[in-house]
PDB file of all heavy atoms in Angstrom:
ATOM      1  N   PRO A   1      32.216  36.840  60.485  1.00  0.00           N
ATOM      2  CA  PRO A   1      31.221  37.839  60.916  1.00  0.00           C
ATOM      3  C   PRO A   1      31.117  37.944  62.437  1.00  0.00           C
ATOM      4  O   PRO A   1      31.035  39.044  62.973  1.00  0.00           O
ATOM      5  CB  PRO A   1      29.917  37.342  60.294  1.00  0.00           C
ATOM      6  CG  PRO A   1      30.349  36.515  59.122  1.00  0.00           C
ATOM      7  CD  PRO A   1      31.643  35.866  59.555  1.00  0.00           C
ATOM      8  N   ALA A   2      31.137  36.821  63.125  1.00  0.00           N
ATOM      9  CA  ALA A   2      31.052  36.843  64.591  1.00  0.00           C
ATOM     10  C   ALA A   2      32.286  37.492  65.199  1.00  0.00           C
ATOM     11  O   ALA A   2      32.181  38.291  66.129  1.00  0.00           O
ATOM     12  CB  ALA A   2      30.866  35.433  65.131  1.00  0.00           C
ATOM     13  N   ALA A   3      33.456  37.142  64.669  1.00  0.00           N
ATOM     14  CA  ALA A   3      34.697  37.711  65.189  1.00  0.00           C
ATOM     15  C   ALA A   3      34.741  39.217  64.964  1.00  0.00           C
ATOM     16  O   ALA A   3      35.154  39.972  65.842  1.00  0.00           O
ATOM     17  CB  ALA A   3      35.901  37.038  64.537  1.00  0.00           C
ATOM     18  N   ASN A   4      34.310  39.672  63.788  1.00  0.00           N
ATOM     19  CA  ASN A   4      34.284  41.106  63.515  1.00  0.00           C
ATOM     20  C   ASN A   4      33.260  41.811  64.396  1.00  0.00           C
ATOM     21  O   ASN A   4      33.488  42.943  64.821  1.00  0.00           O
ATOM     22  CB  ASN A   4      34.029  41.377  62.035  1.00  0.00           C
ATOM     23  CG  ASN A   4      35.251  41.073  61.187  1.00  0.00           C
ATOM     24  OD1 ASN A   4      36.381  41.080  61.674  1.00  0.00           O
ATOM     25  ND2 ASN A   4      35.040  40.793  59.921  1.00  0.00           N
ATOM     26  N   ALA A   5      32.145  41.159  64.675  1.00  0.00           N
ATOM     27  CA  ALA A   5      31.137  41.739  65.568  1.00  0.00           C
ATOM     28  C   ALA A   5      31.694  41.876  66.978  1.00  0.00           C
ATOM     29  O   ALA A   5      31.463  42.884  67.655  1.00  0.00           O
ATOM     30  CB  ALA A   5      29.869  40.893  65.570  1.00  0.00           C
ATOM     31  N   GLU A   6      32.456  40.874  67.413  1.00  0.00           N
ATOM     32  CA  GLU A   6      33.077  40.935  68.741  1.00  0.00           C
ATOM     33  C   GLU A   6      34.097  42.070  68.800  1.00  0.00           C
ATOM     34  O   GLU A   6      34.170  42.795  69.792  1.00  0.00           O
ATOM     35  CB  GLU A   6      33.736  39.601  69.079  1.00  0.00           C
ATOM     36  CG  GLU A   6      32.746  38.491  69.328  1.00  0.00           C
ATOM     37  CD  GLU A   6      33.394  37.121  69.432  1.00  0.00           C
ATOM     38  OE1 GLU A   6      34.630  37.040  69.550  1.00  0.00           O
ATOM     39  OE2 GLU A   6      32.650  36.127  69.387  1.00  0.00           O
ATOM     40  N   ARG A   7      34.877  42.245  67.733  1.00  0.00           N
ATOM     41  CA  ARG A   7      35.858  43.336  67.685  1.00  0.00           C
ATOM     42  C   ARG A   7      35.130  44.676  67.725  1.00  0.00           C
ATOM     43  O   ARG A   7      35.524  45.591  68.450  1.00  0.00           O
ATOM     44  CB  ARG A   7      36.716  43.231  66.429  1.00  0.00           C
ATOM     45  CG  ARG A   7      37.771  44.315  66.333  1.00  0.00           C
ATOM     46  CD  ARG A   7      38.617  44.158  65.062  1.00  0.00           C
ATOM     47  NE  ARG A   7      39.683  45.117  65.033  1.00  0.00           N
ATOM     48  CZ  ARG A   7      39.558  46.377  64.584  1.00  0.00           C
ATOM     49  NH1 ARG A   7      38.398  46.805  64.123  1.00  0.00           N
ATOM     50  NH2 ARG A   7      40.586  47.190  64.598  1.00  0.00           N
ATOM     51  N   THR A   8      34.057  44.785  66.960  1.00  0.00           N
ATOM     52  CA  THR A   8      33.269  46.020  66.943  1.00  0.00           C
ATOM     53  C   THR A   8      32.730  46.325  68.338  1.00  0.00           C
ATOM     54  O   THR A   8      32.735  47.475  68.783  1.00  0.00           O
ATOM     55  CB  THR A   8      32.123  45.902  65.918  1.00  0.00           C
ATOM     56  OG1 THR A   8      32.703  45.686  64.631  1.00  0.00           O
ATOM     57  CG2 THR A   8      31.268  47.148  65.888  1.00  0.00           C
ATOM     58  N   GLU A   9      32.293  45.300  69.040  1.00  0.00           N
ATOM     59  CA  GLU A   9      31.796  45.478  70.409  1.00  0.00           C
ATOM     60  C   GLU A   9      32.909  45.950  71.347  1.00  0.00           C
ATOM     61  O   GLU A   9      32.689  46.827  72.184  1.00  0.00           O
ATOM     62  CB  GLU A   9      31.186  44.168  70.915  1.00  0.00           C
ATOM     63  CG  GLU A   9      30.696  44.221  72.347  1.00  0.00           C
ATOM     64  CD  GLU A   9      29.505  45.143  72.561  1.00  0.00           C
ATOM     65  OE1 GLU A   9      28.810  45.483  71.591  1.00  0.00           O
ATOM     66  OE2 GLU A   9      29.269  45.544  73.715  1.00  0.00           O
ATOM     67  N   ARG A  10      34.112  45.382  71.206  1.00  0.00           N
ATOM     68  CA  ARG A  10      35.239  45.813  72.043  1.00  0.00           C
ATOM     69  C   ARG A  10      35.588  47.275  71.766  1.00  0.00           C
ATOM     70  O   ARG A  10      35.942  48.016  72.675  1.00  0.00           O
ATOM     71  CB  ARG A  10      36.451  44.911  71.835  1.00  0.00           C
ATOM     72  CG  ARG A  10      36.264  43.519  72.421  1.00  0.00           C
ATOM     73  CD  ARG A  10      37.550  42.723  72.466  1.00  0.00           C
ATOM     74  NE  ARG A  10      38.176  42.550  71.177  1.00  0.00           N
ATOM     75  CZ  ARG A  10      37.867  41.607  70.285  1.00  0.00           C
ATOM     76  NH1 ARG A  10      36.923  40.736  70.555  1.00  0.00           N
ATOM     77  NH2 ARG A  10      38.513  41.518  69.135  1.00  0.00           N
ATOM     78  N   ILE A  11      35.482  47.688  70.502  1.00  0.00           N
ATOM     79  CA  ILE A  11      35.745  49.087  70.162  1.00  0.00           C
ATOM     80  C   ILE A  11      34.661  49.971  70.782  1.00  0.00           C
ATOM     81  O   ILE A  11      34.955  51.013  71.372  1.00  0.00           O
ATOM     82  CB  ILE A  11      35.819  49.280  68.631  1.00  0.00           C
ATOM     83  CG1 ILE A  11      37.078  48.602  68.087  1.00  0.00           C
ATOM     84  CG2 ILE A  11      35.809  50.771  68.275  1.00  0.00           C
ATOM     85  CD1 ILE A  11      37.137  48.520  66.569  1.00  0.00           C
ATOM     86  N   ALA A  12      33.407  49.573  70.666  1.00  0.00           N
ATOM     87  CA  ALA A  12      32.294  50.367  71.200  1.00  0.00           C
ATOM     88  C   ALA A  12      32.387  50.525  72.721  1.00  0.00           C
ATOM     89  O   ALA A  12      32.119  51.599  73.256  1.00  0.00           O
ATOM     90  CB  ALA A  12      30.962  49.745  70.816  1.00  0.00           C
ATOM     91  N   THR A  13      32.786  49.442  73.405  1.00  0.00           N
ATOM     92  CA  THR A  13      32.849  49.482  74.869  1.00  0.00           C
ATOM     93  C   THR A  13      34.230  49.875  75.384  1.00  0.00           C
ATOM     94  O   THR A  13      34.396  50.118  76.579  1.00  0.00           O
ATOM     95  CB  THR A  13      32.478  48.118  75.473  1.00  0.00           C
ATOM     96  OG1 THR A  13      33.407  47.127  75.018  1.00  0.00           O
ATOM     97  CG2 THR A  13      31.056  47.728  75.117  1.00  0.00           C
ATOM     98  N   ARG A  14      35.202  49.905  74.464  1.00  0.00           N
ATOM     99  CA  ARG A  14      36.588  50.228  74.828  1.00  0.00           C
ATOM    100  C   ARG A  14      37.070  49.340  75.974  1.00  0.00           C
ATOM    101  O   ARG A  14      37.667  49.805  76.943  1.00  0.00           O
ATOM    102  CB  ARG A  14      36.738  51.704  75.182  1.00  0.00           C
ATOM    103  CG  ARG A  14      36.442  52.617  74.010  1.00  0.00           C
ATOM    104  CD  ARG A  14      36.671  54.056  74.344  1.00  0.00           C
ATOM    105  NE  ARG A  14      36.431  54.893  73.162  1.00  0.00           N
ATOM    106  CZ  ARG A  14      36.700  56.168  73.086  1.00  0.00           C
ATOM    107  NH1 ARG A  14      37.220  56.788  74.119  1.00  0.00           N
ATOM    108  NH2 ARG A  14      36.464  56.851  71.991  1.00  0.00           N
ATOM    109  N   SER A  15      36.808  48.046  75.828  1.00  0.00           N
ATOM    110  CA  SER A  15      37.205  47.099  76.871  1.00  0.00           C
ATOM    111  C   SER A  15      37.676  45.786  76.263  1.00  0.00           C
ATOM    112  O   SER A  15      37.325  45.448  75.138  1.00  0.00           O
ATOM    113  CB  SER A  15      36.034  46.841  77.819  1.00  0.00           C
ATOM    114  OG  SER A  15      34.957  46.274  77.117  1.00  0.00           O
ATOM    115  N   ARG A  16      38.467  45.062  77.028  1.00  0.00           N
ATOM    116  CA  ARG A  16      38.956  43.757  76.598  1.00  0.00           C
ATOM    117  C   ARG A  16      37.873  42.716  76.814  1.00  0.00           C
ATOM    118  O   ARG A  16      37.004  42.874  77.659  1.00  0.00           O
ATOM    119  CB  ARG A  16      40.212  43.371  77.392  1.00  0.00           C
ATOM    120  CG  ARG A  16      41.370  44.313  77.146  1.00  0.00           C
ATOM    121  CD  ARG A  16      42.646  43.843  77.835  1.00  0.00           C
ATOM    122  NE  ARG A  16      43.280  42.859  76.963  1.00  0.00           N
ATOM    123  CZ  ARG A  16      43.762  41.698  77.387  1.00  0.00           C
ATOM    124  NH1 ARG A  16      43.709  41.374  78.644  1.00  0.00           N
ATOM    125  NH2 ARG A  16      44.317  40.866  76.533  1.00  0.00           N
ATOM    126  N   ALA A  17      37.967  41.624  76.083  1.00  0.00           N
ATOM    127  CA  ALA A  17      37.024  40.519  76.257  1.00  0.00           C
ATOM    128  C   ALA A  17      37.228  39.903  77.640  1.00  0.00           C
ATOM    129  O   ALA A  17      38.363  39.695  78.079  1.00  0.00           O
ATOM    130  CB  ALA A  17      37.238  39.473  75.168  1.00  0.00           C
ATOM    131  N   ALA A  18      36.153  39.618  78.326  1.00  0.00           N
ATOM    132  CA  ALA A  18      36.214  39.092  79.692  1.00  0.00           C
ATOM    133  C   ALA A  18      36.912  37.736  79.763  1.00  0.00           C
ATOM    134  O   ALA A  18      37.518  37.396  80.779  1.00  0.00           O
ATOM    135  CB  ALA A  18      34.808  38.999  80.272  1.00  0.00           C
ATOM    136  N   ASN A  19      36.849  36.960  78.681  1.00  0.00           N
ATOM    137  CA  ASN A  19      37.439  35.619  78.698  1.00  0.00           C
ATOM    138  C   ASN A  19      38.927  35.607  78.340  1.00  0.00           C
ATOM    139  O   ASN A  19      39.539  34.545  78.334  1.00  0.00           O
ATOM    140  CB  ASN A  19      36.659  34.669  77.793  1.00  0.00           C
ATOM    141  CG  ASN A  19      36.682  35.095  76.336  1.00  0.00           C
ATOM    142  OD1 ASN A  19      36.910  36.263  76.014  1.00  0.00           O
ATOM    143  ND2 ASN A  19      36.427  34.146  75.447  1.00  0.00           N
ATOM    144  N   TRP A  20      39.521  36.750  78.034  1.00  0.00           N
ATOM    145  CA  TRP A  20      40.954  36.797  77.734  1.00  0.00           C
ATOM    146  C   TRP A  20      41.733  36.765  79.037  1.00  0.00           C
ATOM    147  O   TRP A  20      41.618  37.665  79.870  1.00  0.00           O
ATOM    148  CB  TRP A  20      41.314  38.049  76.947  1.00  0.00           C
ATOM    149  CG  TRP A  20      40.816  38.049  75.533  1.00  0.00           C
ATOM    150  CD1 TRP A  20      40.285  37.006  74.843  1.00  0.00           C
ATOM    151  CD2 TRP A  20      40.806  39.159  74.641  1.00  0.00           C
ATOM    152  NE1 TRP A  20      39.949  37.401  73.573  1.00  0.00           N
ATOM    153  CE2 TRP A  20      40.251  38.717  73.423  1.00  0.00           C
ATOM    154  CE3 TRP A  20      41.206  40.484  74.754  1.00  0.00           C
ATOM    155  CZ2 TRP A  20      40.108  39.552  72.328  1.00  0.00           C
ATOM    156  CZ3 TRP A  20      41.042  41.323  73.662  1.00  0.00           C
ATOM    157  CH2 TRP A  20      40.506  40.848  72.461  1.00  0.00           C
ATOM    158  N   LYS A  21      42.514  35.727  79.214  1.00  0.00           N
ATOM    159  CA  LYS A  21      43.283  35.558  80.455  1.00  0.00           C
ATOM    160  C   LYS A  21      44.695  36.133  80.358  1.00  0.00           C
ATOM    161  O   LYS A  21      45.273  36.519  81.357  1.00  0.00           O
ATOM    162  CB  LYS A  21      43.347  34.071  80.846  1.00  0.00           C
ATOM    163  CG  LYS A  21      41.987  33.426  81.007  1.00  0.00           C
ATOM    164  CD  LYS A  21      41.142  34.138  82.041  1.00  0.00           C
ATOM    165  CE  LYS A  21      39.774  33.493  82.153  1.00  0.00           C
ATOM    166  NZ  LYS A  21      38.775  34.378  82.693  1.00  0.00           N
ATOM    167  N   LYS A  22      45.248  36.177  79.148  1.00  0.00           N
ATOM    168  CA  LYS A  22      46.606  36.705  78.973  1.00  0.00           C
ATOM    169  C   LYS A  22      46.569  38.226  78.928  1.00  0.00           C
ATOM    170  O   LYS A  22      45.639  38.809  78.383  1.00  0.00           O
ATOM    171  CB  LYS A  22      47.214  36.197  77.665  1.00  0.00           C
ATOM    172  CG  LYS A  22      47.425  34.716  77.620  1.00  0.00           C
ATOM    173  CD  LYS A  22      48.006  34.318  76.290  1.00  0.00           C
ATOM    174  CE  LYS A  22      48.181  32.816  76.192  1.00  0.00           C
ATOM    175  NZ  LYS A  22      48.704  32.427  74.889  1.00  0.00           N
ATOM    176  N   PRO A  23      47.600  38.869  79.493  1.00  0.00           N
ATOM    177  CA  PRO A  23      47.655  40.328  79.369  1.00  0.00           C
ATOM    178  C   PRO A  23      47.964  40.722  77.925  1.00  0.00           C
ATOM    179  O   PRO A  23      48.485  39.912  77.147  1.00  0.00           O
ATOM    180  CB  PRO A  23      48.789  40.734  80.309  1.00  0.00           C
ATOM    181  CG  PRO A  23      49.610  39.507  80.484  1.00  0.00           C
ATOM    182  CD  PRO A  23      48.701  38.331  80.270  1.00  0.00           C
ATOM    183  N   PRO A  24      47.643  41.962  77.561  1.00  0.00           N
ATOM    184  CA  PRO A  24      47.945  42.401  76.196  1.00  0.00           C
ATOM    185  C   PRO A  24      49.441  42.561  75.986  1.00  0.00           C
ATOM    186  O   PRO A  24      50.232  42.470  76.927  1.00  0.00           O
ATOM    187  CB  PRO A  24      47.226  43.745  76.102  1.00  0.00           C
ATOM    188  CG  PRO A  24      47.188  44.247  77.502  1.00  0.00           C
ATOM    189  CD  PRO A  24      47.046  43.022  78.366  1.00  0.00           C
ATOM    190  N   ARG A  25      49.807  42.824  74.757  1.00  0.00           N
ATOM    191  CA  ARG A  25      51.208  43.081  74.392  1.00  0.00           C
ATOM    192  C   ARG A  25      51.404  44.581  74.236  1.00  0.00           C
ATOM    193  O   ARG A  25      50.452  45.345  74.101  1.00  0.00           O
ATOM    194  CB  ARG A  25      51.546  42.382  73.066  1.00  0.00           C
ATOM    195  CG  ARG A  25      51.260  40.903  73.027  1.00  0.00           C
ATOM    196  CD  ARG A  25      52.241  40.127  73.827  1.00  0.00           C
ATOM    197  NE  ARG A  25      51.877  38.706  73.849  1.00  0.00           N
ATOM    198  CZ  ARG A  25      52.728  37.759  74.155  1.00  0.00           C
ATOM    199  NH1 ARG A  25      53.980  38.049  74.456  1.00  0.00           N
ATOM    200  NH2 ARG A  25      52.340  36.506  74.174  1.00  0.00           N
ATOM    201  N   ARG A  26      52.665  44.999  74.233  1.00  0.00           N
ATOM    202  CA  ARG A  26      53.016  46.386  73.957  1.00  0.00           C
ATOM    203  C   ARG A  26      54.274  46.405  73.105  1.00  0.00           C
ATOM    204  O   ARG A  26      55.087  45.479  73.144  1.00  0.00           O
ATOM    205  CB  ARG A  26      53.231  47.189  75.221  1.00  0.00           C
ATOM    206  CG  ARG A  26      54.475  46.811  75.991  1.00  0.00           C
ATOM    207  CD  ARG A  26      54.760  47.733  77.165  1.00  0.00           C
ATOM    208  NE  ARG A  26      55.863  47.201  77.936  1.00  0.00           N
ATOM    209  CZ  ARG A  26      57.153  47.341  77.610  1.00  0.00           C
ATOM    210  NH1 ARG A  26      57.496  48.011  76.531  1.00  0.00           N
ATOM    211  NH2 ARG A  26      58.094  46.812  78.353  1.00  0.00           N
ATOM    212  N   ILE A  27      54.446  47.457  72.332  1.00  0.00           N
ATOM    213  CA  ILE A  27      55.625  47.623  71.494  1.00  0.00           C
ATOM    214  C   ILE A  27      56.527  48.656  72.145  1.00  0.00           C
ATOM    215  O   ILE A  27      56.078  49.763  72.467  1.00  0.00           O
ATOM    216  CB  ILE A  27      55.228  48.074  70.071  1.00  0.00           C
ATOM    217  CG1 ILE A  27      54.377  46.993  69.404  1.00  0.00           C
ATOM    218  CG2 ILE A  27      56.469  48.411  69.242  1.00  0.00           C
ATOM    219  CD1 ILE A  27      53.753  47.413  68.092  1.00  0.00           C
ATOM    220  N   GLU A  28      57.772  48.293  72.357  1.00  0.00           N
ATOM    221  CA  GLU A  28      58.756  49.232  72.908  1.00  0.00           C
ATOM    222  C   GLU A  28      59.223  50.111  71.756  1.00  0.00           C
ATOM    223  O   GLU A  28      59.982  49.670  70.894  1.00  0.00           O
ATOM    224  CB  GLU A  28      59.931  48.477  73.541  1.00  0.00           C
ATOM    225  CG  GLU A  28      60.979  49.362  74.138  1.00  0.00           C
ATOM    226  CD  GLU A  28      60.421  50.323  75.185  1.00  0.00           C
ATOM    227  OE1 GLU A  28      59.724  49.861  76.111  1.00  0.00           O
ATOM    228  OE2 GLU A  28      60.686  51.532  75.048  1.00  0.00           O
ATOM    229  N   THR A  29      58.730  51.349  71.726  1.00  0.00           N
ATOM    230  CA  THR A  29      58.985  52.222  70.581  1.00  0.00           C
ATOM    231  C   THR A  29      60.463  52.535  70.380  1.00  0.00           C
ATOM    232  O   THR A  29      60.892  52.751  69.250  1.00  0.00           O
ATOM    233  CB  THR A  29      58.181  53.533  70.681  1.00  0.00           C
ATOM    234  OG1 THR A  29      58.490  54.173  71.920  1.00  0.00           O
ATOM    235  CG2 THR A  29      56.697  53.257  70.606  1.00  0.00           C
ATOM    236  N   SER A  30      61.245  52.530  71.450  1.00  0.00           N
ATOM    237  CA  SER A  30      62.674  52.830  71.297  1.00  0.00           C
ATOM    238  C   SER A  30      63.429  51.701  70.595  1.00  0.00           C
ATOM    239  O   SER A  30      64.540  51.904  70.105  1.00  0.00           O
ATOM    240  CB  SER A  30      63.317  53.116  72.660  1.00  0.00           C
ATOM    241  OG  SER A  30      63.293  51.952  73.469  1.00  0.00           O
ATOM    242  N   GLU A  31      62.815  50.519  70.517  1.00  0.00           N
ATOM    243  CA  GLU A  31      63.441  49.367  69.868  1.00  0.00           C
ATOM    244  C   GLU A  31      62.828  49.049  68.503  1.00  0.00           C
ATOM    245  O   GLU A  31      63.420  48.345  67.701  1.00  0.00           O
ATOM    246  CB  GLU A  31      63.311  48.135  70.769  1.00  0.00           C
ATOM    247  CG  GLU A  31      63.976  48.289  72.125  1.00  0.00           C
ATOM    248  CD  GLU A  31      63.652  47.143  73.064  1.00  0.00           C
ATOM    249  OE1 GLU A  31      63.132  46.100  72.607  1.00  0.00           O
ATOM    250  OE2 GLU A  31      63.907  47.282  74.275  1.00  0.00           O
ATOM    251  N   CYS A  32      61.628  49.572  68.255  1.00  0.00           N
ATOM    252  CA  CYS A  32      60.868  49.251  67.042  1.00  0.00           C
ATOM    253  C   CYS A  32      61.483  49.923  65.812  1.00  0.00           C
ATOM    254  O   CYS A  32      61.891  51.086  65.866  1.00  0.00           O
ATOM    255  CB  CYS A  32      59.430  49.713  67.228  1.00  0.00           C
ATOM    256  SG  CYS A  32      58.354  49.411  65.812  1.00  0.00           S
ATOM    257  N   ILE A  33      61.528  49.181  64.701  1.00  0.00           N
ATOM    258  CA  ILE A  33      62.046  49.735  63.443  1.00  0.00           C
ATOM    259  C   ILE A  33      60.912  50.085  62.473  1.00  0.00           C
ATOM    260  O   ILE A  33      61.150  50.374  61.311  1.00  0.00           O
ATOM    261  CB  ILE A  33      63.060  48.774  62.781  1.00  0.00           C
ATOM    262  CG1 ILE A  33      62.406  47.416  62.464  1.00  0.00           C
ATOM    263  CG2 ILE A  33      64.301  48.612  63.656  1.00  0.00           C
ATOM    264  CD1 ILE A  33      63.268  46.476  61.635  1.00  0.00           C
ATOM    265  N   THR A  34      59.681  50.056  62.946  1.00  0.00           N
ATOM    266  CA  THR A  34      58.485  50.425  62.179  1.00  0.00           C
ATOM    267  C   THR A  34      58.394  49.679  60.846  1.00  0.00           C
ATOM    268  O   THR A  34      58.079  50.259  59.811  1.00  0.00           O
ATOM    269  CB  THR A  34      58.425  51.957  61.958  1.00  0.00           C
ATOM    270  OG1 THR A  34      58.839  52.613  63.154  1.00  0.00           O
ATOM    271  CG2 THR A  34      57.020  52.409  61.633  1.00  0.00           C
ATOM    272  N   CYS A  35      58.637  48.382  60.895  1.00  0.00           N
ATOM    273  CA  CYS A  35      58.572  47.568  59.673  1.00  0.00           C
ATOM    274  C   CYS A  35      57.147  47.116  59.361  1.00  0.00           C
ATOM    275  O   CYS A  35      56.873  46.646  58.261  1.00  0.00           O
ATOM    276  CB  CYS A  35      59.492  46.362  59.787  1.00  0.00           C
ATOM    277  SG  CYS A  35      58.975  45.154  61.030  1.00  0.00           S
ATOM    278  N   ASP A  36      56.252  47.218  60.342  1.00  0.00           N
ATOM    279  CA  ASP A  36      54.846  46.825  60.211  1.00  0.00           C
ATOM    280  C   ASP A  36      54.620  45.321  60.090  1.00  0.00           C
ATOM    281  O   ASP A  36      53.516  44.881  59.750  1.00  0.00           O
ATOM    282  CB  ASP A  36      54.158  47.541  59.054  1.00  0.00           C
ATOM    283  CG  ASP A  36      53.900  49.017  59.322  1.00  0.00           C
ATOM    284  OD1 ASP A  36      54.058  49.444  60.480  1.00  0.00           O
ATOM    285  OD2 ASP A  36      53.536  49.730  58.375  1.00  0.00           O
ATOM    286  N   SER A  37      55.625  44.490  60.364  1.00  0.00           N
ATOM    287  CA  SER A  37      55.432  43.028  60.330  1.00  0.00           C
ATOM    288  C   SER A  37      54.366  42.605  61.336  1.00  0.00           C
ATOM    289  O   SER A  37      53.531  41.751  61.048  1.00  0.00           O
ATOM    290  CB  SER A  37      56.734  42.296  60.638  1.00  0.00           C
ATOM    291  OG  SER A  37      57.652  42.468  59.606  1.00  0.00           O
ATOM    292  N   CYS A  38      54.387  43.220  62.494  1.00  0.00           N
ATOM    293  CA  CYS A  38      53.408  42.886  63.532  1.00  0.00           C
ATOM    294  C   CYS A  38      51.999  43.284  63.096  1.00  0.00           C
ATOM    295  O   CYS A  38      51.050  42.521  63.269  1.00  0.00           O
ATOM    296  CB  CYS A  38      53.768  43.553  64.847  1.00  0.00           C
ATOM    297  SG  CYS A  38      53.919  45.348  64.759  1.00  0.00           S
ATOM    298  N   LEU A  39      51.870  44.447  62.506  1.00  0.00           N
ATOM    299  CA  LEU A  39      50.576  44.944  62.043  1.00  0.00           C
ATOM    300  C   LEU A  39      49.977  43.995  61.010  1.00  0.00           C
ATOM    301  O   LEU A  39      48.799  43.638  61.086  1.00  0.00           O
ATOM    302  CB  LEU A  39      50.752  46.347  61.467  1.00  0.00           C
ATOM    303  CG  LEU A  39      49.499  47.096  61.067  1.00  0.00           C
ATOM    304  CD1 LEU A  39      49.738  48.592  61.224  1.00  0.00           C
ATOM    305  CD2 LEU A  39      49.089  46.780  59.663  1.00  0.00           C
ATOM    306  N   ARG A  40      50.799  43.561  60.078  1.00  0.00           N
ATOM    307  CA  ARG A  40      50.319  42.663  59.021  1.00  0.00           C
ATOM    308  C   ARG A  40      49.989  41.271  59.553  1.00  0.00           C
ATOM    309  O   ARG A  40      49.170  40.567  58.974  1.00  0.00           O
ATOM    310  CB  ARG A  40      51.350  42.579  57.899  1.00  0.00           C
ATOM    311  CG  ARG A  40      51.473  43.868  57.098  1.00  0.00           C
ATOM    312  CD  ARG A  40      52.357  43.709  55.872  1.00  0.00           C
ATOM    313  NE  ARG A  40      53.680  43.203  56.153  1.00  0.00           N
ATOM    314  CZ  ARG A  40      54.739  43.961  56.479  1.00  0.00           C
ATOM    315  NH1 ARG A  40      54.601  45.266  56.558  1.00  0.00           N
ATOM    316  NH2 ARG A  40      55.902  43.415  56.709  1.00  0.00           N
ATOM    317  N   SER A  41      50.602  40.868  60.656  1.00  0.00           N
ATOM    318  CA  SER A  41      50.387  39.513  61.172  1.00  0.00           C
ATOM    319  C   SER A  41      49.294  39.427  62.237  1.00  0.00           C
ATOM    320  O   SER A  41      48.818  38.338  62.540  1.00  0.00           O
ATOM    321  CB  SER A  41      51.686  38.947  61.737  1.00  0.00           C
ATOM    322  OG  SER A  41      52.072  39.660  62.903  1.00  0.00           O
ATOM    323  N   CYS A  42      48.877  40.543  62.793  1.00  0.00           N
ATOM    324  CA  CYS A  42      47.852  40.528  63.843  1.00  0.00           C
ATOM    325  C   CYS A  42      46.553  39.950  63.265  1.00  0.00           C
ATOM    326  O   CYS A  42      46.053  40.443  62.257  1.00  0.00           O
ATOM    327  CB  CYS A  42      47.610  41.940  64.371  1.00  0.00           C
ATOM    328  SG  CYS A  42      46.434  42.001  65.756  1.00  0.00           S
ATOM    329  N   PRO A  43      46.025  38.895  63.899  1.00  0.00           N
ATOM    330  CA  PRO A  43      44.794  38.293  63.375  1.00  0.00           C
ATOM    331  C   PRO A  43      43.669  39.319  63.255  1.00  0.00           C
ATOM    332  O   PRO A  43      43.463  40.144  64.144  1.00  0.00           O
ATOM    333  CB  PRO A  43      44.455  37.223  64.421  1.00  0.00           C
ATOM    334  CG  PRO A  43      45.778  36.879  65.041  1.00  0.00           C
ATOM    335  CD  PRO A  43      46.531  38.184  65.080  1.00  0.00           C
ATOM    336  N   GLU A  44      42.948  39.249  62.154  1.00  0.00           N
ATOM    337  CA  GLU A  44      41.898  40.224  61.846  1.00  0.00           C
ATOM    338  C   GLU A  44      40.849  40.329  62.942  1.00  0.00           C
ATOM    339  O   GLU A  44      40.315  41.411  63.195  1.00  0.00           O
ATOM    340  CB  GLU A  44      41.238  39.860  60.524  1.00  0.00           C
ATOM    341  CG  GLU A  44      40.223  40.867  60.054  1.00  0.00           C
ATOM    342  CD  GLU A  44      39.635  40.522  58.703  1.00  0.00           C
ATOM    343  OE1 GLU A  44      40.370  40.073  57.817  1.00  0.00           O
ATOM    344  OE2 GLU A  44      38.413  40.707  58.547  1.00  0.00           O
ATOM    345  N   GLU A  45      40.563  39.219  63.626  1.00  0.00           N
ATOM    346  CA  GLU A  45      39.534  39.260  64.661  1.00  0.00           C
ATOM    347  C   GLU A  45      39.938  40.119  65.852  1.00  0.00           C
ATOM    348  O   GLU A  45      39.102  40.533  66.642  1.00  0.00           O
ATOM    349  CB  GLU A  45      39.124  37.861  65.118  1.00  0.00           C
ATOM    350  CG  GLU A  45      40.218  37.072  65.808  1.00  0.00           C
ATOM    351  CD  GLU A  45      40.947  36.109  64.877  1.00  0.00           C
ATOM    352  OE1 GLU A  45      41.096  36.413  63.673  1.00  0.00           O
ATOM    353  OE2 GLU A  45      41.361  35.062  65.358  1.00  0.00           O
TER     354      GLU A  45
END
């Protein structure tokens, strides 16, 4: 519940969590085979 609330807050504010030190990831679309493995593995929080 707390993790989902934090995600909801990030969506509402459209901002990253202040305590995240690592930069986000990106998918290179020209290399992606659209298998959705990444989507299924991304932690729910």
